[in-house]
C-alpha atoms as a PDB file:
ATOM      1  CA  MET A   1      12.300  26.307 -35.747  1.00  0.00           C
ATOM      2  CA  PRO A   2      11.436  29.970 -36.311  1.00  0.00           C
ATOM      3  CA  ARG A   3       8.284  29.485 -34.203  1.00  0.00           C
ATOM      4  CA  LEU A   4      10.296  28.118 -31.275  1.00  0.00           C
ATOM      5  CA  HIS A   5      12.511  31.221 -31.314  1.00  0.00           C
ATOM      6  CA  ALA A   6       9.403  33.391 -31.277  1.00  0.00           C
ATOM      7  CA  CYS A   7       8.147  31.528 -28.198  1.00  0.00           C
ATOM      8  CA  LEU A   8      11.376  31.683 -26.197  1.00  0.00           C
ATOM      9  CA  PRO A   9      10.799  35.204 -24.795  1.00  0.00           C
ATOM     10  CA  ALA A  10       7.461  34.016 -23.390  1.00  0.00           C
ATOM     11  CA  LEU A  11       8.808  30.673 -22.137  1.00  0.00           C
ATOM     12  CA  VAL A  12      11.787  32.002 -20.187  1.00  0.00           C
ATOM     13  CA  PRO A  13       9.735  33.961 -17.592  1.00  0.00           C
ATOM     14  CA  ALA A  14       7.349  31.011 -17.195  1.00  0.00           C
ATOM     15  CA  LEU A  15      10.246  28.605 -16.611  1.00  0.00           C
ATOM     16  CA  LEU A  16      11.852  30.960 -14.099  1.00  0.00           C
ATOM     17  CA  LEU A  17       8.577  31.326 -12.221  1.00  0.00           C
ATOM     18  CA  GLY A  18       8.254  27.536 -12.120  1.00  0.00           C
ATOM     19  CA  LEU A  19      11.779  27.154 -10.753  1.00  0.00           C
ATOM     20  CA  LEU A  20      11.231  29.829  -8.117  1.00  0.00           C
ATOM     21  CA  SER A  21       8.048  28.157  -6.899  1.00  0.00           C
ATOM     22  CA  CYS A  22       9.860  24.837  -6.303  1.00  0.00           C
ATOM     23  CA  GLY A  23      11.123  26.130  -2.968  1.00  0.00           C
ATOM     24  CA  ALA A  24       7.650  26.951  -1.631  1.00  0.00           C
ATOM     25  CA  ASP A  25       6.673  25.795   1.860  1.00  0.00           C
ATOM     26  CA  GLU A  26       5.207  22.317   2.088  1.00  0.00           C
ATOM     27  CA  ASP A  27       2.063  23.835   3.640  1.00  0.00           C
ATOM     28  CA  ASP A  28       1.311  25.538   0.323  1.00  0.00           C
ATOM     29  CA  SER A  29       0.356  22.285  -1.390  1.00  0.00           C
ATOM     30  CA  ALA A  30      -1.980  22.156  -4.371  1.00  0.00           C
ATOM     31  CA  ALA A  31      -4.611  20.487  -2.229  1.00  0.00           C
ATOM     32  CA  ASP A  32      -4.541  23.395   0.225  1.00  0.00           C
ATOM     33  CA  ALA A  33      -4.710  25.932  -2.591  1.00  0.00           C
ATOM     34  CA  ALA A  34      -7.679  24.102  -4.092  1.00  0.00           C
ATOM     35  CA  GLY A  35      -9.516  24.199  -0.750  1.00  0.00           C
ATOM     36  CA  VAL A  36      -9.718  20.423  -0.337  1.00  0.00           C
ATOM     37  CA  PRO A  37     -10.321  19.585   3.322  1.00  0.00           C
ATOM     38  CA  ASP A  38      -8.083  17.113   5.116  1.00  0.00           C
ATOM     39  CA  ALA A  39      -9.353  13.545   5.345  1.00  0.00           C
ATOM     40  CA  PHE A  40     -11.389  12.957   8.518  1.00  0.00           C
ATOM     41  CA  SER A  41     -11.624  16.682   9.252  1.00  0.00           C
ATOM     42  CA  ALA A  42     -14.858  18.316  10.382  1.00  0.00           C
ATOM     43  CA  CYS A  43     -15.874  19.290   6.850  1.00  0.00           C
ATOM     44  CA  THR A  44     -19.453  18.591   5.783  1.00  0.00           C
ATOM     45  CA  ALA A  45     -21.119  17.367   2.616  1.00  0.00           C
ATOM     46  CA  ALA A  46     -23.108  20.622   2.575  1.00  0.00           C
ATOM     47  CA  ASP A  47     -19.846  22.547   2.073  1.00  0.00           C
ATOM     48  CA  GLY A  48     -19.291  20.843  -1.282  1.00  0.00           C
ATOM     49  CA  ASP A  49     -21.180  19.988  -4.443  1.00  0.00           C
ATOM     50  CA  PRO A  50     -24.099  17.527  -4.650  1.00  0.00           C
ATOM     51  CA  THR A  51     -23.385  13.812  -4.611  1.00  0.00           C
ATOM     52  CA  TRP A  52     -25.789  10.918  -4.282  1.00  0.00           C
ATOM     53  CA  LEU A  53     -24.524   7.990  -2.235  1.00  0.00           C
ATOM     54  CA  GLU A  54     -25.998   4.706  -3.371  1.00  0.00           C
ATOM     55  CA  THR A  55     -24.300   2.026  -1.227  1.00  0.00           C
ATOM     56  CA  ALA A  56     -21.467   1.675   1.252  1.00  0.00           C
ATOM     57  CA  SER A  57     -19.289  -1.302   2.127  1.00  0.00           C
ATOM     58  CA  ILE A  58     -16.106  -1.979   4.088  1.00  0.00           C
ATOM     59  CA  THR A  59     -13.440  -4.531   3.236  1.00  0.00           C
ATOM     60  CA  ASP A  60     -10.453  -4.724   5.576  1.00  0.00           C
ATOM     61  CA  ASP A  61      -9.566  -1.038   6.210  1.00  0.00           C
ATOM     62  CA  THR A  62     -11.191   0.346   3.056  1.00  0.00           C
ATOM     63  CA  LEU A  63     -14.545   2.113   2.831  1.00  0.00           C
ATOM     64  CA  SER A  64     -16.129   1.856  -0.629  1.00  0.00           C
ATOM     65  CA  LEU A  65     -18.902   4.263  -1.601  1.00  0.00           C
ATOM     66  CA  ASP A  66     -20.920   3.883  -4.781  1.00  0.00           C
ATOM     67  CA  VAL A  67     -21.815   7.429  -5.798  1.00  0.00           C
ATOM     68  CA  SER A  68     -23.390   9.367  -8.632  1.00  0.00           C
ATOM     69  CA  TYR A  69     -23.077  13.047  -9.491  1.00  0.00           C
ATOM     70  CA  GLY A  70     -23.505  15.459 -12.375  1.00  0.00           C
ATOM     71  CA  GLY A  71     -20.602  16.561 -14.556  1.00  0.00           C
ATOM     72  CA  GLY A  72     -18.362  15.040 -17.176  1.00  0.00           C
ATOM     73  CA  CYS A  73     -16.110  17.917 -18.230  1.00  0.00           C
ATOM     74  CA  GLU A  74     -13.831  18.469 -15.216  1.00  0.00           C
ATOM     75  CA  THR A  75     -11.902  16.380 -12.697  1.00  0.00           C
ATOM     76  CA  HIS A  76     -13.905  16.000  -9.491  1.00  0.00           C
ATOM     77  CA  THR A  77     -12.357  15.710  -6.011  1.00  0.00           C
ATOM     78  CA  PHE A  78     -13.839  13.806  -3.069  1.00  0.00           C
ATOM     79  CA  GLN A  79     -12.913  13.653   0.610  1.00  0.00           C
ATOM     80  CA  ILE A  80     -14.333  11.875   3.632  1.00  0.00           C
ATOM     81  CA  CYS A  81     -15.427  14.082   6.553  1.00  0.00           C
ATOM     82  CA  TRP A  82     -15.769  13.215  10.233  1.00  0.00           C
ATOM     83  CA  ASP A  83     -16.304  15.490  13.210  1.00  0.00           C
ATOM     84  CA  GLY A  84     -13.995  13.364  15.385  1.00  0.00           C
ATOM     85  CA  SER A  85     -16.660  12.135  17.786  1.00  0.00           C
ATOM     86  CA  PHE A  86     -17.770   8.633  18.697  1.00  0.00           C
ATOM     87  CA  ALA A  87     -21.395   8.066  19.741  1.00  0.00           C
ATOM     88  CA  GLU A  88     -21.266   5.806  22.774  1.00  0.00           C
ATOM     89  CA  SER A  89     -23.103   2.551  22.134  1.00  0.00           C
ATOM     90  CA  ALA A  90     -22.145  -1.063  21.597  1.00  0.00           C
ATOM     91  CA  PRO A  91     -20.415  -0.820  19.176  1.00  0.00           C
ATOM     92  CA  VAL A  92     -19.613   2.898  19.063  1.00  0.00           C
ATOM     93  CA  GLN A  93     -20.968   4.812  16.081  1.00  0.00           C
ATOM     94  CA  VAL A  94     -19.626   7.485  13.725  1.00  0.00           C
ATOM     95  CA  TRP A  95     -21.256   9.531  10.993  1.00  0.00           C
ATOM     96  CA  LEU A  96     -19.110  10.093   7.920  1.00  0.00           C
ATOM     97  CA  GLU A  97     -19.957  12.598   5.208  1.00  0.00           C
ATOM     98  CA  LEU A  98     -18.656  12.838   1.666  1.00  0.00           C
ATOM     99  CA  TRP A  99     -17.330  16.225   0.518  1.00  0.00           C
ATOM    100  CA  HIS A 100     -17.318  16.770  -3.258  1.00  0.00           C
ATOM    101  CA  ASP A 101     -15.711  19.495  -5.374  1.00  0.00           C
ATOM    102  CA  ALA A 102     -17.027  19.497  -8.950  1.00  0.00           C
ATOM    103  CA  ALA A 103     -14.393  22.077  -9.992  1.00  0.00           C
ATOM    104  CA  GLY A 104     -17.109  24.239 -11.544  1.00  0.00           C
ATOM    105  CA  ASP A 105     -18.140  21.433 -13.911  1.00  0.00           C
ATOM    106  CA  GLY A 106     -21.183  22.703 -15.798  1.00  0.00           C
ATOM    107  CA  CYS A 107     -21.728  19.526 -17.803  1.00  0.00           C
ATOM    108  CA  GLU A 108     -24.852  17.532 -17.089  1.00  0.00           C
ATOM    109  CA  ALA A 109     -23.902  13.897 -17.649  1.00  0.00           C
ATOM    110  CA  GLU A 110     -24.877  11.606 -14.777  1.00  0.00           C
ATOM    111  CA  LEU A 111     -21.675   9.919 -13.653  1.00  0.00           C
ATOM    112  CA  SER A 112     -21.354   6.904 -11.356  1.00  0.00           C
ATOM    113  CA  GLU A 113     -18.269   5.484  -9.718  1.00  0.00           C
ATOM    114  CA  THR A 114     -16.999   3.674  -6.661  1.00  0.00           C
ATOM    115  CA  LEU A 115     -14.830   5.776  -4.367  1.00  0.00           C
ATOM    116  CA  THR A 116     -12.512   4.188  -1.815  1.00  0.00           C
ATOM    117  CA  PHE A 117     -11.145   5.647   1.404  1.00  0.00           C
ATOM    118  CA  ASP A 118      -8.576   4.339   3.870  1.00  0.00           C
ATOM    119  CA  LEU A 119     -10.168   3.941   7.319  1.00  0.00           C
ATOM    120  CA  THR A 120      -6.938   3.431   9.268  1.00  0.00           C
ATOM    121  CA  PRO A 121      -7.053   7.018  10.673  1.00  0.00           C
ATOM    122  CA  LEU A 122     -10.526   6.245  12.069  1.00  0.00           C
ATOM    123  CA  LYS A 123      -9.237   2.959  13.519  1.00  0.00           C
ATOM    124  CA  ALA A 124      -6.230   4.751  15.076  1.00  0.00           C
ATOM    125  CA  SER A 125      -8.552   7.327  16.700  1.00  0.00           C
ATOM    126  CA  TRP A 126     -10.688   4.533  18.132  1.00  0.00           C
ATOM    127  CA  GLN A 127      -7.617   2.645  19.401  1.00  0.00           C
ATOM    128  CA  ALA A 128      -6.302   5.804  21.099  1.00  0.00           C
ATOM    129  CA  ALA A 129      -9.688   6.601  22.644  1.00  0.00           C
ATOM    130  CA  TYR A 130     -10.511   3.099  23.877  1.00  0.00           C
ATOM    131  CA  GLY A 131      -7.050   1.648  24.557  1.00  0.00           C
ATOM    132  CA  ALA A 132      -7.605  -1.568  22.616  1.00  0.00           C
ATOM    133  CA  GLU A 133      -6.173  -2.977  19.396  1.00  0.00           C
ATOM    134  CA  SER A 134      -9.338  -4.561  18.000  1.00  0.00           C
ATOM    135  CA  GLY A 135     -12.944  -3.519  17.976  1.00  0.00           C
ATOM    136  CA  GLU A 136     -15.965  -2.479  15.931  1.00  0.00           C
ATOM    137  CA  ILE A 137     -17.414   0.812  14.804  1.00  0.00           C
ATOM    138  CA  THR A 138     -20.855   1.255  13.282  1.00  0.00           C
ATOM    139  CA  VAL A 139     -20.239   3.616  10.352  1.00  0.00           C
ATOM    140  CA  HIS A 140     -23.167   5.659   9.051  1.00  0.00           C
ATOM    141  CA  THR A 141     -22.929   7.249   5.600  1.00  0.00           C
ATOM    142  CA  GLY A 142     -25.508   8.659   3.256  1.00  0.00           C
ATOM    143  CA  GLY A 143     -25.225   5.333   1.416  1.00  0.00           C
ATOM    144  CA  GLY A 144     -26.111   3.142   4.372  1.00  0.00           C
ATOM    145  CA  THR A 145     -24.801   1.784   7.627  1.00  0.00           C
ATOM    146  CA  VAL A 146     -21.927  -0.690   7.767  1.00  0.00           C
ATOM    147  CA  VAL A 147     -19.849  -2.230  10.559  1.00  0.00           C
ATOM    148  CA  TYR A 148     -16.091  -1.693  10.549  1.00  0.00           C
ATOM    149  CA  SER A 149     -14.370  -4.576  12.392  1.00  0.00           C
ATOM    150  CA  PHE A 150     -10.639  -4.564  13.019  1.00  0.00           C
END
């Protein structure tokens, strides 16, 4: 126990700081502080770290992207980007980009995983723009082109 007593003077200010920060505005979320863009915002893949998209698929309202990237020592963050526009065709088309934050990961392992993203915000934008409940969108990603039917 003597070591705990020695640590208390250092712990008390840290605990107080933690308690004081609990009342922070909701806009000051960790995601905002980390610079992670909002889903379906006009961010671009070029604004983030390199990622290689292998394949894309859609099941129900979920976009799955098989990706690879370098790293292995830090937690990586991914977000889907969209400029908000529909290219008029039959069906309409969108181009989605994948933003990646490697968190400064200097490790060089080649990692692969499948990322999933909820497409309901894209569907809601289409429904608002076209005034219909069901439709199709041709979705272009760096991993291929897939059709989103809803």
